[in-house]
Amino acid sequence: MLATPGTASVSFVRFHKMTSPAFPPFLNQRAHSLMKAAAESAANLRITEQHTGGCRILDFGVHAEGGLAAGLQLAEICCSGLAEVQLTPAAGELLLPQISIHSDAPVAACLGSQYAGWKVMTDTYFAMGSGPMRAASRREELFEELPESEDGSIAIGILEAGSLPDEAAIAAIRNDLPDNCELELAVAPTASQAGHIQVVARSLETALHKLHELHFPLDSLVSGYGTAPLPPVTADDLRGIGRTNDAILYGGVVSLWVRCEDDLLSVIGPRVPSCSSTSHGKTFLELFKEAGHDFYGMDAALFSPAVVQFHNLQTGNSFRYGSLNHSLLKQSFGL
């Protein structure tokens, strides 16, 4: 059944540290295996390899062509191989292929690895960093609530950037990693096929991050599945960021299998989808300009999928919140 949002009052606190066995160890070793496989298939993936500052760098779209297969591989590296990312047939009014992602270890795959919580910034370089190198560093407050999973021997990072990192950027990343930690990076600009795919594959991640911000107990999350339309690739990163974010904000649909009280879902559920934000209803680029081109000046409540469905394994009840906005997607995608 699909339950109507309730008005029950429920108290809950943020867990001090997640204890679920569904958070597997060695995220970086898992991602390293995928990086190795990508390097061995570089010609087929249309990616290239180089070494800078003692760091292996795989170019998924800066100078290399990349492509659909490269984007799917990049997205799975970003999740440490704990999520499967696929191209699925077009659905709905847009007739665009969908990027789907599913995981039986969603907290580790999405919050422990995929979330872009590392801003890499030097005088000469800027990138948004994601991947399991974040778990090796544990520099973000989020990791106070996640199990320690890494041995510090290797770190795998994904950079969303329009250029490859220079030695200063690599040194800045190393500075926040354990001593003698081997570093490998994969890089793609947003305005590339691979870059578009790895961003749109974050539909599930945005739902989990929103739940975390709402203090939902992470131990209650069992499995997750998300889809979002793949926009046409743009000629510049700014429009690419706009389209890929809109794909999730107005076209993303996420299903979560959980074990908790229904009252908790009734209270938190309506606050999860992007429509819970007062900024909802405008394109990402419009809102970005209104915020003075300051990403962190935008309403954080906006960043979540258009639709979120909860399937409670404890009670057998289901809950759905939010709605799709095809007309805004057509505007954003130039269709």
C-alpha atoms as a PDB file:
ATOM      1  CA  MET A   1       0.000   0.000   0.000  1.00  0.00           C
ATOM      2  CA  LEU A   2       1.010   3.644  -0.442  1.00  0.00           C
ATOM      3  CA  ALA A   3       0.453   5.434   2.828  1.00  0.00           C
ATOM      4  CA  THR A   4      -0.693   9.040   3.120  1.00  0.00           C
ATOM      5  CA  PRO A   5       1.796  11.266   4.969  1.00  0.00           C
ATOM      6  CA  GLY A   6       0.820  11.347   8.613  1.00  0.00           C
ATOM      7  CA  THR A   7       1.039  13.927  11.354  1.00  0.00           C
ATOM      8  CA  ALA A   8       2.421  11.698  14.082  1.00  0.00           C
ATOM      9  CA  SER A   9       5.031  13.127  16.395  1.00  0.00           C
ATOM     10  CA  VAL A  10       8.136  11.043  16.930  1.00  0.00           C
ATOM     11  CA  SER A  11      11.408  11.713  18.680  1.00  0.00           C
ATOM     12  CA  PHE A  12      14.743  10.518  17.357  1.00  0.00           C
ATOM     13  CA  VAL A  13      18.427  11.352  17.719  1.00  0.00           C
ATOM     14  CA  ARG A  14      21.350  11.118  15.351  1.00  0.00           C
ATOM     15  CA  PHE A  15      23.263   7.909  15.946  1.00  0.00           C
ATOM     16  CA  HIS A  16      26.723   8.528  17.414  1.00  0.00           C
ATOM     17  CA  LYS A  17      28.260   5.833  15.232  1.00  0.00           C
ATOM     18  CA  MET A  18      26.736   3.409  12.781  1.00  0.00           C
ATOM     19  CA  THR A  19      27.144  -0.226  13.814  1.00  0.00           C
ATOM     20  CA  SER A  20      25.436  -2.020  10.932  1.00  0.00           C
ATOM     21  CA  PRO A  21      27.334  -4.988   9.434  1.00  0.00           C
ATOM     22  CA  ALA A  22      26.170  -3.675   6.029  1.00  0.00           C
ATOM     23  CA  PHE A  23      29.128  -1.244   6.029  1.00  0.00           C
ATOM     24  CA  PRO A  24      31.920  -3.375   4.533  1.00  0.00           C
ATOM     25  CA  PRO A  25      35.614  -2.584   5.059  1.00  0.00           C
ATOM     26  CA  PHE A  26      38.374  -1.746   2.563  1.00  0.00           C
ATOM     27  CA  LEU A  27      36.430   0.611   0.311  1.00  0.00           C
ATOM     28  CA  ASN A  28      39.639   1.879  -1.263  1.00  0.00           C
ATOM     29  CA  GLN A  29      40.915  -1.608  -2.077  1.00  0.00           C
ATOM     30  CA  ARG A  30      37.579  -2.346  -3.754  1.00  0.00           C
ATOM     31  CA  ALA A  31      37.814   0.846  -5.805  1.00  0.00           C
ATOM     32  CA  HIS A  32      41.443   0.115  -6.638  1.00  0.00           C
ATOM     33  CA  SER A  33      40.428  -3.152  -8.290  1.00  0.00           C
ATOM     34  CA  LEU A  34      38.043  -1.219 -10.535  1.00  0.00           C
ATOM     35  CA  MET A  35      40.707   1.399 -11.302  1.00  0.00           C
ATOM     36  CA  LYS A  36      43.074  -1.384 -12.314  1.00  0.00           C
ATOM     37  CA  ALA A  37      40.432  -2.935 -14.552  1.00  0.00           C
ATOM     38  CA  ALA A  38      39.740   0.469 -16.137  1.00  0.00           C
ATOM     39  CA  ALA A  39      43.440   1.050 -16.831  1.00  0.00           C
ATOM     40  CA  GLU A  40      43.724  -2.386 -18.434  1.00  0.00           C
ATOM     41  CA  SER A  41      40.728  -1.549 -20.667  1.00  0.00           C
ATOM     42  CA  ALA A  42      41.794   2.021 -21.391  1.00  0.00           C
ATOM     43  CA  ALA A  43      41.609   1.668 -25.165  1.00  0.00           C
ATOM     44  CA  ASN A  44      38.074   0.247 -25.078  1.00  0.00           C
ATOM     45  CA  LEU A  45      36.926   2.848 -22.542  1.00  0.00           C
ATOM     46  CA  ARG A  46      38.647   5.631 -24.514  1.00  0.00           C
ATOM     47  CA  ILE A  47      40.452   6.861 -21.406  1.00  0.00           C
ATOM     48  CA  THR A  48      44.146   7.631 -20.854  1.00  0.00           C
ATOM     49  CA  GLU A  49      46.614   7.231 -18.016  1.00  0.00           C
ATOM     50  CA  GLN A  50      49.337   9.539 -16.796  1.00  0.00           C
ATOM     51  CA  HIS A  51      51.487   9.986 -13.688  1.00  0.00           C
ATOM     52  CA  THR A  52      51.964  13.298 -11.871  1.00  0.00           C
ATOM     53  CA  GLY A  53      53.558  13.827  -8.482  1.00  0.00           C
ATOM     54  CA  GLY A  54      53.822  10.064  -7.938  1.00  0.00           C
ATOM     55  CA  CYS A  55      50.062   9.676  -8.482  1.00  0.00           C
ATOM     56  CA  ARG A  56      48.393   7.587 -11.178  1.00  0.00           C
ATOM     57  CA  ILE A  57      45.670   9.638 -12.896  1.00  0.00           C
ATOM     58  CA  LEU A  58      43.045   8.216 -15.214  1.00  0.00           C
ATOM     59  CA  ASP A  59      41.537  10.793 -17.568  1.00  0.00           C
ATOM     60  CA  PHE A  60      37.889   9.933 -18.231  1.00  0.00           C
ATOM     61  CA  GLY A  61      37.037  13.042 -20.259  1.00  0.00           C
ATOM     62  CA  VAL A  62      39.356  16.028 -19.809  1.00  0.00           C
ATOM     63  CA  HIS A  63      41.604  15.325 -22.800  1.00  0.00           C
ATOM     64  CA  ALA A  64      40.436  11.754 -23.415  1.00  0.00           C
ATOM     65  CA  GLU A  65      37.172  11.079 -25.261  1.00  0.00           C
ATOM     66  CA  GLY A  66      35.662   8.766 -22.646  1.00  0.00           C
ATOM     67  CA  GLY A  67      32.084   7.690 -23.318  1.00  0.00           C
ATOM     68  CA  LEU A  68      29.125   5.777 -21.924  1.00  0.00           C
ATOM     69  CA  ALA A  69      31.107   2.731 -20.777  1.00  0.00           C
ATOM     70  CA  ALA A  70      33.708   5.005 -19.182  1.00  0.00           C
ATOM     71  CA  GLY A  71      30.996   6.897 -17.316  1.00  0.00           C
ATOM     72  CA  LEU A  72      29.443   3.730 -15.911  1.00  0.00           C
ATOM     73  CA  GLN A  73      32.886   2.499 -14.798  1.00  0.00           C
ATOM     74  CA  LEU A  74      33.679   5.868 -13.243  1.00  0.00           C
ATOM     75  CA  ALA A  75      30.407   5.894 -11.296  1.00  0.00           C
ATOM     76  CA  GLU A  76      31.067   2.403  -9.920  1.00  0.00           C
ATOM     77  CA  ILE A  77      34.619   3.381  -8.898  1.00  0.00           C
ATOM     78  CA  CYS A  78      33.064   6.341  -7.095  1.00  0.00           C
ATOM     79  CA  CYS A  79      30.893   3.891  -5.118  1.00  0.00           C
ATOM     80  CA  SER A  80      33.821   1.539  -4.382  1.00  0.00           C
ATOM     81  CA  GLY A  81      32.131  -1.205  -6.383  1.00  0.00           C
ATOM     82  CA  LEU A  82      29.350  -1.443  -3.788  1.00  0.00           C
ATOM     83  CA  ALA A  83      26.674  -0.241  -6.214  1.00  0.00           C
ATOM     84  CA  GLU A  84      25.781  -1.312  -9.722  1.00  0.00           C
ATOM     85  CA  VAL A  85      25.272   1.507 -12.221  1.00  0.00           C
ATOM     86  CA  GLN A  86      23.495   0.903 -15.530  1.00  0.00           C
ATOM     87  CA  LEU A  87      21.991   2.606 -18.557  1.00  0.00           C
ATOM     88  CA  THR A  88      18.304   1.702 -18.721  1.00  0.00           C
ATOM     89  CA  PRO A  89      15.692   2.384 -21.435  1.00  0.00           C
ATOM     90  CA  ALA A  90      14.061   5.762 -21.875  1.00  0.00           C
ATOM     91  CA  ALA A  91      10.954   6.354 -19.774  1.00  0.00           C
ATOM     92  CA  GLY A  92       8.290   9.031 -19.472  1.00  0.00           C
ATOM     93  CA  GLU A  93       7.843  12.100 -21.625  1.00  0.00           C
ATOM     94  CA  LEU A  94      11.529  12.908 -22.173  1.00  0.00           C
ATOM     95  CA  LEU A  95      12.500   9.759 -24.102  1.00  0.00           C
ATOM     96  CA  LEU A  96      16.000   9.953 -22.623  1.00  0.00           C
ATOM     97  CA  PRO A  97      17.949   6.973 -21.299  1.00  0.00           C
ATOM     98  CA  GLN A  98      17.970   6.633 -17.531  1.00  0.00           C
ATOM     99  CA  ILE A  99      20.928   6.108 -15.226  1.00  0.00           C
ATOM    100  CA  SER A 100      20.011   3.576 -12.571  1.00  0.00           C
ATOM    101  CA  ILE A 101      21.939   2.661  -9.447  1.00  0.00           C
ATOM    102  CA  HIS A 102      21.246   0.030  -6.804  1.00  0.00           C
ATOM    103  CA  SER A 103      23.083  -1.137  -3.712  1.00  0.00           C
ATOM    104  CA  ASP A 104      22.659  -3.505  -0.773  1.00  0.00           C
ATOM    105  CA  ALA A 105      25.269  -1.462   1.113  1.00  0.00           C
ATOM    106  CA  PRO A 106      23.885   2.014   0.380  1.00  0.00           C
ATOM    107  CA  VAL A 107      25.421   3.879   3.306  1.00  0.00           C
ATOM    108  CA  ALA A 108      28.940   2.669   2.514  1.00  0.00           C
ATOM    109  CA  ALA A 109      28.525   3.086  -1.242  1.00  0.00           C
ATOM    110  CA  CYS A 110      26.920   6.529  -1.140  1.00  0.00           C
ATOM    111  CA  LEU A 111      27.893   8.312   2.076  1.00  0.00           C
ATOM    112  CA  GLY A 112      31.154   6.490   2.781  1.00  0.00           C
ATOM    113  CA  SER A 113      32.369   6.775  -0.791  1.00  0.00           C
ATOM    114  CA  GLN A 114      30.308   8.542  -3.479  1.00  0.00           C
ATOM    115  CA  TYR A 115      29.334  11.773  -1.723  1.00  0.00           C
ATOM    116  CA  ALA A 116      31.306  14.773  -3.051  1.00  0.00           C
ATOM    117  CA  GLY A 117      32.373  16.012   0.353  1.00  0.00           C
ATOM    118  CA  TRP A 118      35.977  16.988  -0.419  1.00  0.00           C
ATOM    119  CA  LYS A 119      36.611  20.395  -1.995  1.00  0.00           C
ATOM    120  CA  VAL A 120      40.069  20.368  -3.556  1.00  0.00           C
ATOM    121  CA  MET A 121      41.285  23.936  -3.894  1.00  0.00           C
ATOM    122  CA  THR A 122      44.717  25.474  -4.380  1.00  0.00           C
ATOM    123  CA  ASP A 123      45.887  28.705  -6.001  1.00  0.00           C
ATOM    124  CA  THR A 124      45.932  26.924  -9.368  1.00  0.00           C
ATOM    125  CA  TYR A 125      43.313  24.191  -9.163  1.00  0.00           C
ATOM    126  CA  PHE A 126      39.729  23.483  -8.112  1.00  0.00           C
ATOM    127  CA  ALA A 127      37.760  20.231  -8.097  1.00  0.00           C
ATOM    128  CA  MET A 128      34.969  18.534  -6.199  1.00  0.00           C
ATOM    129  CA  GLY A 129      36.405  15.353  -4.732  1.00  0.00           C
ATOM    130  CA  SER A 130      34.519  12.147  -4.049  1.00  0.00           C
ATOM    131  CA  GLY A 131      35.223   8.433  -3.784  1.00  0.00           C
ATOM    132  CA  PRO A 132      36.619   6.342  -0.941  1.00  0.00           C
ATOM    133  CA  MET A 133      39.682   8.542  -0.422  1.00  0.00           C
ATOM    134  CA  ARG A 134      37.273  10.423   1.857  1.00  0.00           C
ATOM    135  CA  ALA A 135      37.006   7.337   4.079  1.00  0.00           C
ATOM    136  CA  ALA A 136      40.803   7.088   4.222  1.00  0.00           C
ATOM    137  CA  SER A 137      41.048  10.722   5.301  1.00  0.00           C
ATOM    138  CA  ARG A 138      37.964  10.937   7.561  1.00  0.00           C
ATOM    139  CA  ARG A 139      38.291  14.727   7.467  1.00  0.00           C
ATOM    140  CA  GLU A 140      34.527  15.282   7.201  1.00  0.00           C
ATOM    141  CA  GLU A 141      32.243  15.453  10.224  1.00  0.00           C
ATOM    142  CA  LEU A 142      30.059  12.791   8.598  1.00  0.00           C
ATOM    143  CA  PHE A 143      32.677  10.135   9.340  1.00  0.00           C
ATOM    144  CA  GLU A 144      32.206  10.577  13.074  1.00  0.00           C
ATOM    145  CA  GLU A 145      29.034   8.514  12.542  1.00  0.00           C
ATOM    146  CA  LEU A 146      30.434   5.920  10.141  1.00  0.00           C
ATOM    147  CA  PRO A 147      32.590   2.913  11.030  1.00  0.00           C
ATOM    148  CA  GLU A 148      36.328   3.093  10.440  1.00  0.00           C
ATOM    149  CA  SER A 149      36.842   0.901   7.401  1.00  0.00           C
ATOM    150  CA  GLU A 150      40.248   1.689   5.865  1.00  0.00           C
ATOM    151  CA  ASP A 151      43.819   0.593   6.589  1.00  0.00           C
ATOM    152  CA  GLY A 152      45.357   3.767   5.129  1.00  0.00           C
ATOM    153  CA  SER A 153      47.513   1.989   2.566  1.00  0.00           C
ATOM    154  CA  ILE A 154      45.731   3.325  -0.525  1.00  0.00           C
ATOM    155  CA  ALA A 155      43.276   6.080  -1.431  1.00  0.00           C
ATOM    156  CA  ILE A 156      41.162   6.296  -4.584  1.00  0.00           C
ATOM    157  CA  GLY A 157      39.570   9.605  -5.476  1.00  0.00           C
ATOM    158  CA  ILE A 158      37.300  10.963  -8.193  1.00  0.00           C
ATOM    159  CA  LEU A 159      37.668  14.598  -9.219  1.00  0.00           C
ATOM    160  CA  GLU A 160      34.940  16.524 -11.004  1.00  0.00           C
ATOM    161  CA  ALA A 161      37.051  19.119 -12.771  1.00  0.00           C
ATOM    162  CA  GLY A 162      37.745  20.649 -16.160  1.00  0.00           C
ATOM    163  CA  SER A 163      41.479  19.954 -15.978  1.00  0.00           C
ATOM    164  CA  LEU A 164      43.836  17.329 -14.614  1.00  0.00           C
ATOM    165  CA  PRO A 165      45.366  18.017 -11.189  1.00  0.00           C
ATOM    166  CA  ASP A 166      48.832  19.516 -10.989  1.00  0.00           C
ATOM    167  CA  GLU A 167      51.488  18.599  -8.432  1.00  0.00           C
ATOM    168  CA  ALA A 168      50.264  21.240  -5.967  1.00  0.00           C
ATOM    169  CA  ALA A 169      46.703  19.834  -6.032  1.00  0.00           C
ATOM    170  CA  ILE A 170      47.983  16.299  -5.556  1.00  0.00           C
ATOM    171  CA  ALA A 171      50.147  17.445  -2.647  1.00  0.00           C
ATOM    172  CA  ALA A 172      47.115  19.143  -1.067  1.00  0.00           C
ATOM    173  CA  ILE A 173      45.138  15.901  -1.235  1.00  0.00           C
ATOM    174  CA  ARG A 174      48.036  13.865   0.153  1.00  0.00           C
ATOM    175  CA  ASN A 175      48.288  16.285   3.067  1.00  0.00           C
ATOM    176  CA  ASP A 176      44.916  15.052   4.348  1.00  0.00           C
ATOM    177  CA  LEU A 177      45.690  11.347   3.909  1.00  0.00           C
ATOM    178  CA  PRO A 178      47.629   8.976   6.169  1.00  0.00           C
ATOM    179  CA  ASP A 179      51.403   8.935   5.794  1.00  0.00           C
ATOM    180  CA  ASN A 180      52.711   6.678   3.009  1.00  0.00           C
ATOM    181  CA  CYS A 181      49.212   6.283   1.565  1.00  0.00           C
ATOM    182  CA  GLU A 182      49.263   5.486  -2.168  1.00  0.00           C
ATOM    183  CA  LEU A 183      47.003   7.857  -4.123  1.00  0.00           C
ATOM    184  CA  GLU A 184      45.198   7.255  -7.426  1.00  0.00           C
ATOM    185  CA  LEU A 185      42.737   9.645  -9.060  1.00  0.00           C
ATOM    186  CA  ALA A 186      40.105   9.485 -11.799  1.00  0.00           C
ATOM    187  CA  VAL A 187      39.092  12.782 -13.404  1.00  0.00           C
ATOM    188  CA  ALA A 188      36.209  13.896 -15.622  1.00  0.00           C
ATOM    189  CA  PRO A 189      34.663  17.312 -16.313  1.00  0.00           C
ATOM    190  CA  THR A 190      30.925  17.675 -15.901  1.00  0.00           C
ATOM    191  CA  ALA A 191      30.685  18.588 -19.600  1.00  0.00           C
ATOM    192  CA  SER A 192      31.588  15.111 -20.816  1.00  0.00           C
ATOM    193  CA  GLN A 193      29.744  11.847 -21.292  1.00  0.00           C
ATOM    194  CA  ALA A 194      31.501  10.212 -18.344  1.00  0.00           C
ATOM    195  CA  GLY A 195      31.076  13.319 -16.202  1.00  0.00           C
ATOM    196  CA  HIS A 196      27.348  13.515 -16.875  1.00  0.00           C
ATOM    197  CA  ILE A 197      26.862   9.866 -15.982  1.00  0.00           C
ATOM    198  CA  GLN A 198      28.828   9.940 -12.727  1.00  0.00           C
ATOM    199  CA  VAL A 199      26.824  12.966 -11.507  1.00  0.00           C
ATOM    200  CA  VAL A 200      23.393  11.652 -12.539  1.00  0.00           C
ATOM    201  CA  ALA A 201      24.273   8.349 -10.816  1.00  0.00           C
ATOM    202  CA  ARG A 202      24.014  10.254  -7.514  1.00  0.00           C
ATOM    203  CA  SER A 203      20.226  10.041  -7.245  1.00  0.00           C
ATOM    204  CA  LEU A 204      20.454   7.505  -4.403  1.00  0.00           C
ATOM    205  CA  GLU A 205      23.301   9.369  -2.734  1.00  0.00           C
ATOM    206  CA  THR A 206      21.329  12.630  -2.552  1.00  0.00           C
ATOM    207  CA  ALA A 207      18.437  10.855  -0.832  1.00  0.00           C
ATOM    208  CA  LEU A 208      20.768   9.310   1.742  1.00  0.00           C
ATOM    209  CA  HIS A 209      22.555  12.576   2.398  1.00  0.00           C
ATOM    210  CA  LYS A 210      19.235  14.344   2.942  1.00  0.00           C
ATOM    211  CA  LEU A 211      18.156  11.589   5.362  1.00  0.00           C
ATOM    212  CA  HIS A 212      21.415  11.987   7.241  1.00  0.00           C
ATOM    213  CA  GLU A 213      20.845  15.740   7.533  1.00  0.00           C
ATOM    214  CA  LEU A 214      17.372  14.996   8.899  1.00  0.00           C
ATOM    215  CA  HIS A 215      18.934  12.732  11.554  1.00  0.00           C
ATOM    216  CA  PHE A 216      17.384   9.556  10.162  1.00  0.00           C
ATOM    217  CA  PRO A 217      19.105   6.521  11.760  1.00  0.00           C
ATOM    218  CA  LEU A 218      21.494   5.209   9.115  1.00  0.00           C
ATOM    219  CA  ASP A 219      21.326   1.697  10.587  1.00  0.00           C
ATOM    220  CA  SER A 220      17.720   1.521   9.369  1.00  0.00           C
ATOM    221  CA  LEU A 221      18.742   1.657   5.689  1.00  0.00           C
ATOM    222  CA  VAL A 222      18.887  -1.801   4.111  1.00  0.00           C
ATOM    223  CA  SER A 223      18.923  -1.356   0.307  1.00  0.00           C
ATOM    224  CA  GLY A 224      18.456   1.416  -2.227  1.00  0.00           C
ATOM    225  CA  TYR A 225      17.621   1.965  -5.890  1.00  0.00           C
ATOM    226  CA  GLY A 226      17.559   5.183  -7.867  1.00  0.00           C
ATOM    227  CA  THR A 227      17.013   6.401 -11.415  1.00  0.00           C
ATOM    228  CA  ALA A 228      17.340   9.760 -13.163  1.00  0.00           C
ATOM    229  CA  PRO A 229      17.298  10.847 -16.822  1.00  0.00           C
ATOM    230  CA  LEU A 230      20.625  11.337 -18.605  1.00  0.00           C
ATOM    231  CA  PRO A 231      20.641  14.862 -20.086  1.00  0.00           C
ATOM    232  CA  PRO A 232      22.261  15.811 -23.385  1.00  0.00           C
ATOM    233  CA  VAL A 233      25.928  16.699 -22.814  1.00  0.00           C
ATOM    234  CA  THR A 234      26.591  20.430 -22.760  1.00  0.00           C
ATOM    235  CA  ALA A 235      29.501  22.398 -24.192  1.00  0.00           C
ATOM    236  CA  ASP A 236      30.549  23.882 -20.844  1.00  0.00           C
ATOM    237  CA  ASP A 237      30.761  22.684 -17.249  1.00  0.00           C
ATOM    238  CA  LEU A 238      28.399  25.289 -15.779  1.00  0.00           C
ATOM    239  CA  ARG A 239      25.476  24.224 -17.964  1.00  0.00           C
ATOM    240  CA  GLY A 240      26.496  20.628 -17.379  1.00  0.00           C
ATOM    241  CA  ILE A 241      26.253  21.135 -13.636  1.00  0.00           C
ATOM    242  CA  GLY A 242      22.837  22.712 -14.147  1.00  0.00           C
ATOM    243  CA  ARG A 243      21.432  19.895 -16.280  1.00  0.00           C
ATOM    244  CA  THR A 244      22.807  17.032 -14.191  1.00  0.00           C
ATOM    245  CA  ASN A 245      21.512  18.547 -10.966  1.00  0.00           C
ATOM    246  CA  ASP A 246      18.099  19.196 -12.510  1.00  0.00           C
ATOM    247  CA  ALA A 247      17.989  15.572 -13.676  1.00  0.00           C
ATOM    248  CA  ILE A 248      17.976  14.481 -10.032  1.00  0.00           C
ATOM    249  CA  LEU A 249      16.036  17.383  -8.496  1.00  0.00           C
ATOM    250  CA  TYR A 250      13.135  17.118 -10.945  1.00  0.00           C
ATOM    251  CA  GLY A 251      13.531  13.671 -12.530  1.00  0.00           C
ATOM    252  CA  GLY A 252      15.129  11.445  -9.892  1.00  0.00           C
ATOM    253  CA  VAL A 253      13.146   8.591  -8.337  1.00  0.00           C
ATOM    254  CA  VAL A 254      14.605   6.701  -5.378  1.00  0.00           C
ATOM    255  CA  SER A 255      13.283   3.630  -3.575  1.00  0.00           C
ATOM    256  CA  LEU A 256      14.628   2.749  -0.130  1.00  0.00           C
ATOM    257  CA  TRP A 257      14.110  -0.468   1.804  1.00  0.00           C
ATOM    258  CA  VAL A 258      14.249   0.278   5.524  1.00  0.00           C
ATOM    259  CA  ARG A 259      13.530  -1.209   8.942  1.00  0.00           C
ATOM    260  CA  CYS A 260      12.047   1.304  11.351  1.00  0.00           C
ATOM    261  CA  GLU A 261       8.749   2.565  12.792  1.00  0.00           C
ATOM    262  CA  ASP A 262       6.180   3.839  10.273  1.00  0.00           C
ATOM    263  CA  ASP A 263       5.740   6.988  12.375  1.00  0.00           C
ATOM    264  CA  LEU A 264       9.352   7.923  11.703  1.00  0.00           C
ATOM    265  CA  LEU A 265       8.768   7.710   7.948  1.00  0.00           C
ATOM    266  CA  SER A 266       5.559   9.739   8.235  1.00  0.00           C
ATOM    267  CA  VAL A 267       7.428  12.557   9.942  1.00  0.00           C
ATOM    268  CA  ILE A 268      10.654  12.583   7.935  1.00  0.00           C
ATOM    269  CA  GLY A 269       9.362  11.403   4.551  1.00  0.00           C
ATOM    270  CA  PRO A 270       7.745  14.669   3.390  1.00  0.00           C
ATOM    271  CA  ARG A 271      10.993  16.521   4.149  1.00  0.00           C
ATOM    272  CA  VAL A 272      13.153  14.326   1.913  1.00  0.00           C
ATOM    273  CA  PRO A 273      12.256  15.095  -1.753  1.00  0.00           C
ATOM    274  CA  SER A 274      13.403  18.299  -3.441  1.00  0.00           C
ATOM    275  CA  CYS A 275       9.898  19.794  -3.291  1.00  0.00           C
ATOM    276  CA  SER A 276      10.437  20.263   0.472  1.00  0.00           C
ATOM    277  CA  SER A 277      12.642  23.262  -0.417  1.00  0.00           C
ATOM    278  CA  THR A 278      11.218  26.751  -0.955  1.00  0.00           C
ATOM    279  CA  SER A 279      13.602  26.998  -3.940  1.00  0.00           C
ATOM    280  CA  HIS A 280      11.886  24.126  -5.715  1.00  0.00           C
ATOM    281  CA  GLY A 281      10.410  24.955  -9.125  1.00  0.00           C
ATOM    282  CA  LYS A 282      13.328  26.829 -10.700  1.00  0.00           C
ATOM    283  CA  THR A 283      16.229  25.404 -12.683  1.00  0.00           C
ATOM    284  CA  PHE A 284      19.511  24.881 -10.917  1.00  0.00           C
ATOM    285  CA  LEU A 285      21.185  27.589 -13.022  1.00  0.00           C
ATOM    286  CA  GLU A 286      18.495  30.132 -12.112  1.00  0.00           C
ATOM    287  CA  LEU A 287      18.978  29.402  -8.424  1.00  0.00           C
ATOM    288  CA  PHE A 288      22.763  29.384  -8.781  1.00  0.00           C
ATOM    289  CA  LYS A 289      22.682  32.884 -10.284  1.00  0.00           C
ATOM    290  CA  GLU A 290      20.318  34.094  -7.545  1.00  0.00           C
ATOM    291  CA  ALA A 291      22.825  32.803  -4.954  1.00  0.00           C
ATOM    292  CA  GLY A 292      25.572  34.910  -6.506  1.00  0.00           C
ATOM    293  CA  HIS A 293      27.194  31.875  -8.148  1.00  0.00           C
ATOM    294  CA  ASP A 294      27.846  30.510  -4.652  1.00  0.00           C
ATOM    295  CA  PHE A 295      26.929  26.824  -4.526  1.00  0.00           C
ATOM    296  CA  TYR A 296      27.015  26.859  -0.736  1.00  0.00           C
ATOM    297  CA  GLY A 297      24.653  29.835  -0.662  1.00  0.00           C
ATOM    298  CA  MET A 298      21.844  27.742  -2.153  1.00  0.00           C
ATOM    299  CA  ASP A 299      19.157  26.083  -0.044  1.00  0.00           C
ATOM    300  CA  ALA A 300      20.600  22.739   1.034  1.00  0.00           C
ATOM    301  CA  ALA A 301      17.084  21.285   1.357  1.00  0.00           C
ATOM    302  CA  LEU A 302      16.764  21.363  -2.443  1.00  0.00           C
ATOM    303  CA  PHE A 303      19.436  18.750  -3.086  1.00  0.00           C
ATOM    304  CA  SER A 304      17.524  15.497  -3.144  1.00  0.00           C
ATOM    305  CA  PRO A 305      15.541  13.445  -5.668  1.00  0.00           C
ATOM    306  CA  ALA A 306      12.151  14.503  -7.030  1.00  0.00           C
ATOM    307  CA  VAL A 307      10.454  11.380  -5.662  1.00  0.00           C
ATOM    308  CA  VAL A 308      11.407   9.200  -2.693  1.00  0.00           C
ATOM    309  CA  GLN A 309       9.656   5.927  -1.842  1.00  0.00           C
ATOM    310  CA  PHE A 310      10.134   4.009   1.398  1.00  0.00           C
ATOM    311  CA  HIS A 311       9.379   0.299   1.669  1.00  0.00           C
ATOM    312  CA  ASN A 312       9.333  -0.696   5.321  1.00  0.00           C
ATOM    313  CA  LEU A 313      10.510  -4.285   5.740  1.00  0.00           C
ATOM    314  CA  GLN A 314       9.460  -4.159   9.381  1.00  0.00           C
ATOM    315  CA  THR A 315       5.785  -3.382   8.762  1.00  0.00           C
ATOM    316  CA  GLY A 316       5.207  -4.135   5.089  1.00  0.00           C
ATOM    317  CA  ASN A 317       3.952  -0.594   4.436  1.00  0.00           C
ATOM    318  CA  SER A 318       5.162   1.746   1.678  1.00  0.00           C
ATOM    319  CA  PHE A 319       5.299   5.544   1.555  1.00  0.00           C
ATOM    320  CA  ARG A 320       5.793   7.849  -1.439  1.00  0.00           C
ATOM    321  CA  TYR A 321       6.650  11.564  -1.402  1.00  0.00           C
ATOM    322  CA  GLY A 322       7.333  14.157  -4.098  1.00  0.00           C
ATOM    323  CA  SER A 323       6.569  14.424  -7.825  1.00  0.00           C
ATOM    324  CA  LEU A 324       8.330  14.665 -11.190  1.00  0.00           C
ATOM    325  CA  ASN A 325       8.518  17.891 -13.207  1.00  0.00           C
ATOM    326  CA  HIS A 326       8.929  17.034 -16.889  1.00  0.00           C
ATOM    327  CA  SER A 327       8.270  20.550 -18.142  1.00  0.00           C
ATOM    328  CA  LEU A 328      11.154  22.001 -16.133  1.00  0.00           C
ATOM    329  CA  LEU A 329      13.431  19.193 -17.311  1.00  0.00           C
ATOM    330  CA  LYS A 330      12.587  19.971 -20.928  1.00  0.00           C
ATOM    331  CA  GLN A 331      13.444  23.615 -20.295  1.00  0.00           C
ATOM    332  CA  SER A 332      16.732  22.717 -18.608  1.00  0.00           C
ATOM    333  CA  PHE A 333      17.736  20.148 -21.230  1.00  0.00           C
ATOM    334  CA  GLY A 334      16.820  22.322 -24.195  1.00  0.00           C
ATOM    335  CA  LEU A 335      14.244  19.839 -25.500  1.00  0.00           C
END
